[in-house]
N, C-alpha and C. Protein backbone atom coordinates (compact mmCIF):
# COMPACT_ATOMS: atom_id res chain seq x y z
N UNK A 1 15.22 -19.22 -4.66
CA UNK A 1 14.54 -18.12 -5.30
C UNK A 1 13.18 -18.55 -5.85
N UNK A 2 13.14 -19.76 -6.40
CA UNK A 2 11.89 -20.26 -6.95
C UNK A 2 10.82 -20.39 -5.87
N UNK A 3 11.21 -20.85 -4.69
CA UNK A 3 10.26 -20.97 -3.59
C UNK A 3 9.77 -19.60 -3.15
N UNK A 4 10.64 -18.62 -3.13
CA UNK A 4 10.27 -17.25 -2.77
C UNK A 4 9.23 -16.71 -3.76
N UNK A 5 9.45 -16.95 -5.04
CA UNK A 5 8.51 -16.48 -6.06
C UNK A 5 7.18 -17.20 -5.92
N UNK A 6 7.21 -18.50 -5.64
CA UNK A 6 5.97 -19.24 -5.45
C UNK A 6 5.21 -18.75 -4.23
N UNK A 7 5.93 -18.40 -3.16
CA UNK A 7 5.29 -17.94 -1.93
C UNK A 7 4.74 -16.53 -2.04
N UNK A 8 5.50 -15.63 -2.66
CA UNK A 8 5.16 -14.21 -2.65
C UNK A 8 4.79 -13.64 -4.01
N UNK A 9 4.91 -14.42 -5.06
CA UNK A 9 4.69 -13.92 -6.41
C UNK A 9 3.29 -13.39 -6.65
N UNK A 10 2.28 -14.13 -6.19
CA UNK A 10 0.90 -13.69 -6.43
C UNK A 10 0.56 -12.45 -5.61
N UNK A 11 1.11 -12.35 -4.41
CA UNK A 11 0.88 -11.16 -3.58
C UNK A 11 1.53 -9.94 -4.22
N UNK A 12 2.76 -10.10 -4.69
CA UNK A 12 3.44 -8.99 -5.37
C UNK A 12 2.70 -8.61 -6.65
N UNK A 13 2.23 -9.59 -7.39
CA UNK A 13 1.46 -9.32 -8.60
C UNK A 13 0.18 -8.57 -8.28
N UNK A 14 -0.51 -8.96 -7.23
CA UNK A 14 -1.75 -8.27 -6.84
C UNK A 14 -1.46 -6.82 -6.50
N UNK A 15 -0.45 -6.59 -5.67
CA UNK A 15 -0.14 -5.22 -5.25
C UNK A 15 0.30 -4.36 -6.43
N UNK A 16 1.09 -4.92 -7.31
CA UNK A 16 1.58 -4.15 -8.45
C UNK A 16 0.46 -3.92 -9.48
N UNK A 17 -0.41 -4.91 -9.67
CA UNK A 17 -1.50 -4.78 -10.63
C UNK A 17 -2.60 -3.85 -10.13
N UNK A 18 -2.62 -3.59 -8.85
CA UNK A 18 -3.59 -2.66 -8.27
C UNK A 18 -3.45 -1.28 -8.91
N UNK A 19 -2.23 -0.91 -9.28
CA UNK A 19 -2.00 0.40 -9.86
C UNK A 19 -1.62 0.36 -11.32
N UNK A 20 -1.71 -0.71 -11.97
CA UNK A 20 -1.33 -0.82 -13.37
C UNK A 20 -0.85 -2.22 -13.66
N UNK A 21 0.39 -2.49 -13.32
CA UNK A 21 0.89 -3.85 -13.29
C UNK A 21 1.33 -4.48 -14.58
N UNK A 22 1.54 -3.72 -15.63
CA UNK A 22 1.93 -4.29 -16.91
C UNK A 22 3.20 -5.12 -16.79
N UNK A 23 4.23 -4.54 -16.20
CA UNK A 23 5.52 -5.22 -16.08
C UNK A 23 5.42 -6.45 -15.17
N UNK A 24 4.72 -6.32 -14.05
CA UNK A 24 4.58 -7.45 -13.13
C UNK A 24 3.84 -8.60 -13.79
N UNK A 25 2.82 -8.28 -14.58
CA UNK A 25 2.07 -9.32 -15.27
C UNK A 25 2.94 -10.00 -16.33
N UNK A 26 3.76 -9.23 -17.03
CA UNK A 26 4.66 -9.82 -18.02
C UNK A 26 5.67 -10.75 -17.36
N UNK A 27 6.21 -10.34 -16.23
CA UNK A 27 7.17 -11.17 -15.50
C UNK A 27 6.48 -12.43 -14.96
N UNK A 28 5.28 -12.26 -14.40
CA UNK A 28 4.54 -13.41 -13.87
C UNK A 28 4.17 -14.38 -14.99
N UNK A 29 3.85 -13.86 -16.17
CA UNK A 29 3.57 -14.73 -17.31
C UNK A 29 4.78 -15.55 -17.71
N UNK A 30 5.95 -14.92 -17.67
CA UNK A 30 7.19 -15.64 -17.99
C UNK A 30 7.46 -16.72 -16.93
N UNK A 31 7.23 -16.39 -15.66
CA UNK A 31 7.41 -17.39 -14.61
C UNK A 31 6.37 -18.50 -14.72
N UNK A 32 5.21 -18.19 -15.26
CA UNK A 32 4.20 -19.23 -15.49
C UNK A 32 4.67 -20.20 -16.56
N UNK A 33 5.33 -19.68 -17.58
CA UNK A 33 5.88 -20.55 -18.61
C UNK A 33 6.90 -21.51 -18.01
N UNK A 34 7.68 -20.99 -17.09
CA UNK A 34 8.72 -21.77 -16.42
C UNK A 34 8.12 -22.82 -15.47
N UNK A 35 6.88 -22.62 -15.06
CA UNK A 35 6.25 -23.54 -14.12
C UNK A 35 6.31 -23.06 -12.68
N UNK A 36 6.95 -21.93 -12.45
CA UNK A 36 7.06 -21.39 -11.10
C UNK A 36 5.70 -20.90 -10.61
N UNK A 37 4.93 -20.28 -11.50
CA UNK A 37 3.58 -19.81 -11.18
C UNK A 37 2.60 -20.47 -12.14
N UNK A 38 1.32 -20.40 -11.79
CA UNK A 38 0.26 -20.94 -12.64
C UNK A 38 -0.32 -19.81 -13.47
N UNK A 39 -0.39 -19.98 -14.79
CA UNK A 39 -0.84 -18.91 -15.68
C UNK A 39 -2.29 -18.51 -15.39
N UNK A 40 -3.14 -19.46 -15.05
CA UNK A 40 -4.55 -19.13 -14.80
C UNK A 40 -4.71 -18.31 -13.53
N UNK A 41 -4.00 -18.70 -12.49
CA UNK A 41 -4.05 -17.93 -11.24
C UNK A 41 -3.43 -16.56 -11.46
N UNK A 42 -2.36 -16.50 -12.24
CA UNK A 42 -1.70 -15.23 -12.54
C UNK A 42 -2.68 -14.28 -13.21
N UNK A 43 -3.40 -14.75 -14.21
CA UNK A 43 -4.35 -13.91 -14.94
C UNK A 43 -5.49 -13.48 -14.03
N UNK A 44 -5.99 -14.38 -13.20
CA UNK A 44 -7.10 -14.03 -12.29
C UNK A 44 -6.65 -13.00 -11.27
N UNK A 45 -5.48 -13.19 -10.67
CA UNK A 45 -4.97 -12.25 -9.67
C UNK A 45 -4.77 -10.87 -10.28
N UNK A 46 -4.15 -10.82 -11.46
CA UNK A 46 -3.90 -9.53 -12.11
C UNK A 46 -5.21 -8.84 -12.48
N UNK A 47 -6.17 -9.58 -13.00
CA UNK A 47 -7.45 -8.99 -13.39
C UNK A 47 -8.20 -8.45 -12.18
N UNK A 48 -8.28 -9.23 -11.12
CA UNK A 48 -9.00 -8.78 -9.92
C UNK A 48 -8.33 -7.55 -9.32
N UNK A 49 -7.02 -7.56 -9.22
CA UNK A 49 -6.31 -6.41 -8.65
C UNK A 49 -6.51 -5.17 -9.51
N UNK A 50 -6.48 -5.32 -10.82
CA UNK A 50 -6.66 -4.18 -11.71
C UNK A 50 -8.09 -3.65 -11.63
N UNK A 51 -9.06 -4.53 -11.52
CA UNK A 51 -10.45 -4.10 -11.35
C UNK A 51 -10.59 -3.31 -10.05
N UNK A 52 -10.08 -3.86 -8.97
CA UNK A 52 -10.19 -3.21 -7.66
C UNK A 52 -9.47 -1.86 -7.66
N UNK A 53 -8.29 -1.79 -8.25
CA UNK A 53 -7.53 -0.54 -8.29
C UNK A 53 -8.24 0.55 -9.06
N UNK A 54 -8.76 0.22 -10.23
CA UNK A 54 -9.48 1.21 -11.04
C UNK A 54 -10.78 1.63 -10.37
N UNK A 55 -11.47 0.67 -9.76
CA UNK A 55 -12.71 1.01 -9.04
C UNK A 55 -12.42 1.93 -7.87
N UNK A 56 -11.33 1.67 -7.17
CA UNK A 56 -10.93 2.53 -6.05
C UNK A 56 -10.73 3.96 -6.52
N UNK A 57 -9.99 4.14 -7.61
CA UNK A 57 -9.74 5.49 -8.13
C UNK A 57 -11.03 6.15 -8.58
N UNK A 58 -11.89 5.39 -9.26
CA UNK A 58 -13.16 5.94 -9.75
C UNK A 58 -14.03 6.43 -8.59
N UNK A 59 -14.21 5.58 -7.58
CA UNK A 59 -15.09 5.96 -6.47
C UNK A 59 -14.45 6.99 -5.55
N UNK A 60 -13.12 7.00 -5.48
CA UNK A 60 -12.46 8.06 -4.71
C UNK A 60 -12.75 9.41 -5.36
N UNK A 61 -12.64 9.47 -6.68
CA UNK A 61 -12.93 10.73 -7.38
C UNK A 61 -14.41 11.07 -7.31
N UNK A 62 -15.26 10.08 -7.37
CA UNK A 62 -16.71 10.30 -7.33
C UNK A 62 -17.12 10.87 -5.97
N UNK A 63 -16.52 10.37 -4.89
CA UNK A 63 -16.94 10.75 -3.54
C UNK A 63 -16.09 11.85 -2.92
N UNK A 64 -14.95 12.15 -3.50
CA UNK A 64 -14.07 13.17 -2.94
C UNK A 64 -13.50 14.01 -4.09
N UNK A 65 -14.36 14.79 -4.71
CA UNK A 65 -14.01 15.52 -5.93
C UNK A 65 -12.88 16.52 -5.73
N UNK A 66 -12.88 17.23 -4.62
CA UNK A 66 -11.84 18.24 -4.39
C UNK A 66 -10.45 17.60 -4.31
N UNK A 67 -10.36 16.50 -3.60
CA UNK A 67 -9.08 15.80 -3.47
C UNK A 67 -8.60 15.30 -4.83
N UNK A 68 -9.50 14.71 -5.60
CA UNK A 68 -9.13 14.18 -6.92
C UNK A 68 -8.70 15.30 -7.86
N UNK A 69 -9.40 16.42 -7.82
CA UNK A 69 -9.02 17.55 -8.68
C UNK A 69 -7.66 18.10 -8.29
N UNK A 70 -7.38 18.17 -7.00
CA UNK A 70 -6.06 18.62 -6.55
C UNK A 70 -4.96 17.66 -7.00
N UNK A 71 -5.25 16.36 -6.99
CA UNK A 71 -4.28 15.37 -7.43
C UNK A 71 -3.93 15.54 -8.91
N UNK A 72 -4.91 15.96 -9.69
CA UNK A 72 -4.72 16.05 -11.14
C UNK A 72 -4.25 17.42 -11.61
N UNK A 73 -4.03 18.36 -10.70
CA UNK A 73 -3.58 19.70 -11.10
C UNK A 73 -2.26 19.67 -11.86
N UNK A 74 -1.39 18.76 -11.53
CA UNK A 74 -0.08 18.69 -12.20
C UNK A 74 -0.15 17.98 -13.55
N UNK A 75 -1.30 17.45 -13.90
CA UNK A 75 -1.45 16.66 -15.13
C UNK A 75 -2.55 17.23 -16.02
N UNK A 76 -2.62 18.53 -16.14
CA UNK A 76 -3.72 19.16 -16.88
C UNK A 76 -3.74 18.75 -18.35
N UNK A 77 -2.59 18.61 -18.97
CA UNK A 77 -2.55 18.20 -20.38
C UNK A 77 -3.06 16.78 -20.56
N UNK A 78 -2.66 15.89 -19.66
CA UNK A 78 -3.12 14.50 -19.75
C UNK A 78 -4.62 14.40 -19.47
N UNK A 79 -5.11 15.20 -18.52
CA UNK A 79 -6.54 15.21 -18.22
C UNK A 79 -7.31 15.69 -19.44
N UNK A 80 -6.81 16.74 -20.09
CA UNK A 80 -7.46 17.24 -21.31
C UNK A 80 -7.45 16.18 -22.40
N UNK A 81 -6.34 15.44 -22.52
CA UNK A 81 -6.26 14.36 -23.49
C UNK A 81 -7.29 13.27 -23.20
N UNK A 82 -7.42 12.90 -21.94
CA UNK A 82 -8.40 11.88 -21.56
C UNK A 82 -9.80 12.35 -21.90
N UNK A 83 -10.13 13.60 -21.59
CA UNK A 83 -11.46 14.13 -21.89
C UNK A 83 -11.71 14.15 -23.39
N UNK A 84 -10.70 14.54 -24.16
CA UNK A 84 -10.83 14.56 -25.61
C UNK A 84 -11.03 13.16 -26.16
N UNK A 85 -10.23 12.21 -25.68
CA UNK A 85 -10.38 10.82 -26.12
C UNK A 85 -11.75 10.26 -25.75
N UNK A 86 -12.24 10.61 -24.57
CA UNK A 86 -13.55 10.10 -24.16
C UNK A 86 -14.66 10.67 -25.03
N UNK A 87 -14.57 11.96 -25.37
CA UNK A 87 -15.59 12.55 -26.25
C UNK A 87 -15.56 11.90 -27.63
N UNK A 88 -14.37 11.57 -28.09
CA UNK A 88 -14.22 11.02 -29.44
C UNK A 88 -14.56 9.53 -29.51
N UNK A 89 -14.11 8.75 -28.52
CA UNK A 89 -14.25 7.30 -28.60
C UNK A 89 -15.21 6.69 -27.58
N UNK A 90 -15.71 7.46 -26.66
CA UNK A 90 -16.66 6.95 -25.68
C UNK A 90 -16.05 5.93 -24.73
N UNK A 91 -16.82 4.90 -24.44
CA UNK A 91 -16.39 3.93 -23.43
C UNK A 91 -15.17 3.11 -23.86
N UNK A 92 -14.81 3.13 -25.14
CA UNK A 92 -13.62 2.40 -25.59
C UNK A 92 -12.35 2.91 -24.91
N UNK A 93 -12.39 4.15 -24.43
CA UNK A 93 -11.24 4.71 -23.72
C UNK A 93 -10.95 3.91 -22.46
N UNK A 94 -11.99 3.42 -21.80
CA UNK A 94 -11.81 2.63 -20.59
C UNK A 94 -11.08 1.33 -20.93
N UNK A 95 -11.37 0.77 -22.09
CA UNK A 95 -10.70 -0.47 -22.51
C UNK A 95 -9.28 -0.18 -22.96
N UNK A 96 -9.11 0.84 -23.77
CA UNK A 96 -7.80 1.16 -24.35
C UNK A 96 -6.82 1.65 -23.29
N UNK A 97 -7.31 2.36 -22.28
CA UNK A 97 -6.42 2.97 -21.29
C UNK A 97 -5.57 1.97 -20.52
N UNK A 98 -5.97 0.73 -20.49
CA UNK A 98 -5.18 -0.29 -19.79
C UNK A 98 -3.82 -0.51 -20.44
N UNK A 99 -3.71 -0.14 -21.72
CA UNK A 99 -2.48 -0.39 -22.48
C UNK A 99 -1.64 0.87 -22.69
N UNK A 100 -2.12 2.03 -22.28
CA UNK A 100 -1.43 3.29 -22.54
C UNK A 100 -0.83 3.82 -21.25
N UNK A 101 0.49 3.82 -21.20
CA UNK A 101 1.18 4.33 -20.02
C UNK A 101 0.97 5.84 -19.93
N UNK A 102 0.72 6.33 -18.75
CA UNK A 102 0.59 7.76 -18.54
C UNK A 102 -0.84 8.24 -18.37
N UNK A 103 -1.80 7.46 -18.88
CA UNK A 103 -3.19 7.87 -18.68
C UNK A 103 -4.02 6.81 -17.97
N UNK A 104 -3.43 5.65 -17.73
CA UNK A 104 -4.24 4.57 -17.15
C UNK A 104 -4.71 4.87 -15.73
N UNK A 105 -4.00 5.73 -15.02
CA UNK A 105 -4.45 6.13 -13.68
C UNK A 105 -5.43 7.29 -13.76
N UNK A 106 -5.25 8.13 -14.76
CA UNK A 106 -6.10 9.31 -14.87
C UNK A 106 -7.50 9.01 -15.38
N UNK A 107 -7.66 8.00 -16.22
CA UNK A 107 -8.98 7.71 -16.78
C UNK A 107 -10.02 7.44 -15.69
N UNK A 108 -9.76 6.55 -14.73
CA UNK A 108 -10.77 6.35 -13.68
C UNK A 108 -11.04 7.61 -12.86
N UNK A 109 -10.00 8.42 -12.64
CA UNK A 109 -10.20 9.66 -11.88
C UNK A 109 -11.07 10.65 -12.66
N UNK A 110 -10.77 10.82 -13.94
CA UNK A 110 -11.55 11.74 -14.77
C UNK A 110 -12.99 11.25 -14.90
N UNK A 111 -13.17 9.95 -15.08
CA UNK A 111 -14.52 9.39 -15.18
C UNK A 111 -15.27 9.55 -13.86
N UNK A 112 -14.56 9.43 -12.75
CA UNK A 112 -15.19 9.61 -11.45
C UNK A 112 -15.63 11.05 -11.21
N UNK A 113 -14.88 11.99 -11.74
CA UNK A 113 -15.25 13.40 -11.60
C UNK A 113 -16.42 13.78 -12.49
N UNK A 114 -16.61 13.03 -13.56
CA UNK A 114 -17.72 13.33 -14.47
C UNK A 114 -19.00 12.70 -13.92
N UNK A 115 -20.06 12.84 -14.69
CA UNK A 115 -21.33 12.24 -14.27
C UNK A 115 -21.53 10.86 -14.90
N UNK A 116 -20.44 10.19 -15.23
CA UNK A 116 -20.50 8.87 -15.84
C UNK A 116 -21.10 7.87 -14.85
N UNK A 117 -21.92 6.99 -15.34
CA UNK A 117 -22.61 6.01 -14.50
C UNK A 117 -21.62 5.05 -13.82
N UNK A 118 -21.78 4.89 -12.52
CA UNK A 118 -20.92 3.97 -11.76
C UNK A 118 -21.11 2.54 -12.23
N UNK A 119 -22.34 2.17 -12.53
CA UNK A 119 -22.63 0.82 -12.99
C UNK A 119 -21.95 0.53 -14.32
N UNK A 120 -22.09 1.47 -15.27
CA UNK A 120 -21.45 1.30 -16.58
C UNK A 120 -19.94 1.20 -16.44
N UNK A 121 -19.36 2.07 -15.62
CA UNK A 121 -17.91 2.04 -15.45
C UNK A 121 -17.46 0.70 -14.86
N UNK A 122 -18.19 0.20 -13.88
CA UNK A 122 -17.83 -1.07 -13.25
C UNK A 122 -17.86 -2.21 -14.27
N UNK A 123 -18.90 -2.27 -15.08
CA UNK A 123 -19.02 -3.33 -16.08
C UNK A 123 -17.90 -3.23 -17.12
N UNK A 124 -17.73 -2.04 -17.70
CA UNK A 124 -16.73 -1.86 -18.75
C UNK A 124 -15.32 -2.04 -18.19
N UNK A 125 -15.07 -1.53 -17.00
CA UNK A 125 -13.76 -1.68 -16.38
C UNK A 125 -13.46 -3.15 -16.09
N UNK A 126 -14.45 -3.90 -15.64
CA UNK A 126 -14.24 -5.33 -15.37
C UNK A 126 -13.88 -6.08 -16.66
N UNK A 127 -14.62 -5.80 -17.72
CA UNK A 127 -14.33 -6.44 -19.00
C UNK A 127 -12.93 -6.05 -19.49
N UNK A 128 -12.61 -4.76 -19.39
CA UNK A 128 -11.30 -4.27 -19.84
C UNK A 128 -10.17 -4.89 -19.03
N UNK A 129 -10.34 -5.01 -17.73
CA UNK A 129 -9.29 -5.58 -16.88
C UNK A 129 -9.08 -7.06 -17.15
N UNK A 130 -10.17 -7.78 -17.36
CA UNK A 130 -10.06 -9.21 -17.68
C UNK A 130 -9.39 -9.39 -19.04
N UNK A 131 -9.79 -8.59 -20.01
CA UNK A 131 -9.18 -8.64 -21.34
C UNK A 131 -7.69 -8.30 -21.27
N UNK A 132 -7.35 -7.25 -20.52
CA UNK A 132 -5.96 -6.83 -20.35
C UNK A 132 -5.13 -7.96 -19.73
N UNK A 133 -5.65 -8.56 -18.66
CA UNK A 133 -4.91 -9.63 -17.98
C UNK A 133 -4.72 -10.84 -18.89
N UNK A 134 -5.74 -11.18 -19.66
CA UNK A 134 -5.63 -12.32 -20.57
C UNK A 134 -4.63 -12.05 -21.69
N UNK A 135 -4.72 -10.86 -22.30
CA UNK A 135 -3.84 -10.54 -23.43
C UNK A 135 -2.38 -10.46 -22.98
N UNK A 136 -2.11 -9.66 -21.96
CA UNK A 136 -0.73 -9.47 -21.52
C UNK A 136 -0.19 -10.74 -20.86
N UNK A 137 -1.01 -11.37 -20.03
CA UNK A 137 -0.58 -12.60 -19.35
C UNK A 137 -0.26 -13.71 -20.33
N UNK A 138 -1.15 -13.92 -21.29
CA UNK A 138 -0.93 -15.01 -22.25
C UNK A 138 0.21 -14.68 -23.21
N UNK A 139 0.32 -13.41 -23.63
CA UNK A 139 1.42 -13.01 -24.52
C UNK A 139 2.77 -13.22 -23.83
N UNK A 140 2.86 -12.86 -22.56
CA UNK A 140 4.12 -13.05 -21.85
C UNK A 140 4.37 -14.53 -21.55
N UNK A 141 3.31 -15.30 -21.41
CA UNK A 141 3.45 -16.75 -21.24
C UNK A 141 4.04 -17.37 -22.51
N UNK A 142 3.51 -16.94 -23.66
CA UNK A 142 4.02 -17.43 -24.95
C UNK A 142 5.47 -16.99 -25.15
N UNK A 143 5.78 -15.76 -24.76
CA UNK A 143 7.14 -15.23 -24.93
C UNK A 143 8.05 -15.63 -23.77
N UNK A 144 7.57 -16.46 -22.87
CA UNK A 144 8.32 -16.84 -21.67
C UNK A 144 9.68 -17.43 -21.94
N UNK A 145 9.79 -18.29 -22.94
CA UNK A 145 11.10 -18.89 -23.22
C UNK A 145 12.11 -17.83 -23.62
N UNK A 146 11.69 -16.89 -24.47
CA UNK A 146 12.60 -15.81 -24.87
C UNK A 146 12.95 -14.92 -23.69
N UNK A 147 11.95 -14.53 -22.89
CA UNK A 147 12.19 -13.63 -21.76
C UNK A 147 13.13 -14.26 -20.73
N UNK A 148 12.93 -15.53 -20.43
CA UNK A 148 13.78 -16.19 -19.44
C UNK A 148 15.20 -16.41 -19.98
N UNK A 149 15.31 -16.72 -21.26
CA UNK A 149 16.64 -16.87 -21.86
C UNK A 149 17.36 -15.52 -21.88
N UNK A 150 16.65 -14.47 -22.22
CA UNK A 150 17.21 -13.12 -22.25
C UNK A 150 17.67 -12.71 -20.85
N UNK A 151 16.84 -12.97 -19.85
CA UNK A 151 17.20 -12.63 -18.48
C UNK A 151 18.42 -13.43 -18.01
N UNK A 152 18.50 -14.69 -18.41
CA UNK A 152 19.63 -15.52 -18.01
C UNK A 152 20.93 -15.04 -18.65
N UNK A 153 20.85 -14.59 -19.90
CA UNK A 153 22.04 -14.10 -20.59
C UNK A 153 22.55 -12.78 -20.02
N UNK A 154 21.66 -11.97 -19.49
CA UNK A 154 22.04 -10.64 -19.04
C UNK A 154 21.86 -10.42 -17.54
N UNK A 155 21.94 -11.48 -16.75
CA UNK A 155 21.69 -11.33 -15.32
C UNK A 155 22.73 -10.48 -14.61
N UNK A 156 23.95 -10.47 -15.11
CA UNK A 156 24.99 -9.68 -14.46
C UNK A 156 24.92 -8.20 -14.84
N UNK A 157 24.30 -7.89 -15.96
CA UNK A 157 24.16 -6.49 -16.36
C UNK A 157 23.31 -5.74 -15.34
N UNK A 158 22.28 -6.37 -14.82
CA UNK A 158 21.44 -5.73 -13.80
C UNK A 158 22.23 -5.39 -12.55
N UNK A 159 23.09 -6.30 -12.13
CA UNK A 159 23.92 -6.06 -10.95
C UNK A 159 24.87 -4.89 -11.19
N UNK A 160 25.51 -4.87 -12.34
CA UNK A 160 26.43 -3.78 -12.68
C UNK A 160 25.68 -2.46 -12.77
N UNK A 161 24.49 -2.47 -13.34
CA UNK A 161 23.68 -1.26 -13.45
C UNK A 161 23.33 -0.71 -12.08
N UNK A 162 22.95 -1.56 -11.16
CA UNK A 162 22.62 -1.12 -9.80
C UNK A 162 23.84 -0.49 -9.14
N UNK A 163 25.00 -1.10 -9.28
CA UNK A 163 26.23 -0.55 -8.71
C UNK A 163 26.53 0.83 -9.30
N UNK A 164 26.40 0.98 -10.60
CA UNK A 164 26.67 2.26 -11.26
C UNK A 164 25.70 3.33 -10.78
N UNK A 165 24.41 3.00 -10.72
CA UNK A 165 23.39 3.97 -10.29
C UNK A 165 23.63 4.37 -8.84
N UNK A 166 23.91 3.42 -7.97
CA UNK A 166 24.19 3.74 -6.57
C UNK A 166 25.43 4.63 -6.43
N UNK A 167 26.45 4.34 -7.20
CA UNK A 167 27.67 5.16 -7.16
C UNK A 167 27.37 6.59 -7.60
N UNK A 168 26.62 6.75 -8.66
CA UNK A 168 26.25 8.09 -9.13
C UNK A 168 25.42 8.83 -8.09
N UNK A 169 24.47 8.13 -7.47
CA UNK A 169 23.64 8.76 -6.44
C UNK A 169 24.47 9.18 -5.23
N UNK A 170 25.37 8.34 -4.80
CA UNK A 170 26.22 8.66 -3.64
C UNK A 170 27.09 9.87 -3.95
N UNK A 171 27.67 9.90 -5.14
CA UNK A 171 28.53 11.03 -5.51
C UNK A 171 27.70 12.31 -5.63
N UNK A 172 26.51 12.23 -6.20
CA UNK A 172 25.70 13.45 -6.38
C UNK A 172 25.15 14.02 -5.09
N UNK A 173 24.83 13.17 -4.13
CA UNK A 173 24.18 13.66 -2.92
C UNK A 173 25.11 13.79 -1.71
N UNK A 174 26.38 13.64 -1.92
CA UNK A 174 27.28 13.82 -0.77
C UNK A 174 27.38 15.32 -0.46
N UNK A 175 27.64 15.65 0.79
CA UNK A 175 27.70 17.07 1.17
C UNK A 175 28.83 17.77 0.44
N UNK A 176 28.53 18.97 0.00
CA UNK A 176 29.54 19.77 -0.70
C UNK A 176 30.32 20.58 0.31
N UNK A 177 31.60 20.71 0.06
CA UNK A 177 32.44 21.52 0.95
C UNK A 177 32.13 22.99 0.72
N UNK A 178 32.07 23.71 1.82
CA UNK A 178 31.82 25.15 1.71
C UNK A 178 33.10 25.84 1.29
N UNK A 179 32.95 26.78 0.39
CA UNK A 179 34.11 27.55 -0.03
C UNK A 179 34.41 28.60 1.01
N UNK A 180 35.66 28.81 1.22
CA UNK A 180 36.05 29.87 2.14
C UNK A 180 35.91 31.20 1.42
N UNK A 181 35.15 32.08 1.99
CA UNK A 181 35.01 33.40 1.37
C UNK A 181 36.16 34.28 1.81
N UNK A 182 36.49 35.23 0.98
CA UNK A 182 37.61 36.09 1.35
C UNK A 182 37.17 37.06 2.45
N UNK A 183 38.07 37.84 2.93
CA UNK A 183 37.84 38.68 4.10
C UNK A 183 36.78 39.75 3.87
N UNK A 184 36.51 40.13 2.66
CA UNK A 184 35.53 41.18 2.39
C UNK A 184 34.10 40.64 2.39
N UNK A 185 33.93 39.34 2.49
CA UNK A 185 32.61 38.75 2.52
C UNK A 185 32.02 38.56 1.13
N UNK A 186 32.84 38.67 0.14
CA UNK A 186 32.34 38.52 -1.23
C UNK A 186 32.48 37.09 -1.67
């Protein structure tokens, strides 16, 4: 398992950090404490992926406004919250959004739809992503001993949880028997 994590861990971290990656970075930080991964490479990979992911969303919204607006139709309250936060706090929203679940994907989209400067967004987003990767990566590295001990103590709970969830899903989605209607068609 350790060899698998060493071979594929950074690729998985990059892909997961492209869209947020908080949990993947925390896990990679814990594995860095263990020595399976390198903490510096972990932070660099997470930061670069997060920068690229946010830039992708920003420029997608900037260049394809109709598509981005259609994507956000189901999240009107969150979009309004992002706009309100941006009016109140300015560019700090770009930094803070990395830590707030539920709006971290919407902020680059909303900023892309606005007339916000691409250059400013790139600079602030890069700083925010590097700061996010350093804070979360290093915090999980420091907490690595606790996280790995916790995972070792509860490794069988995950297996049991998967079995229970699969059983519930199988029972819920199995075909239902049709009831025989009486002769009157009622």
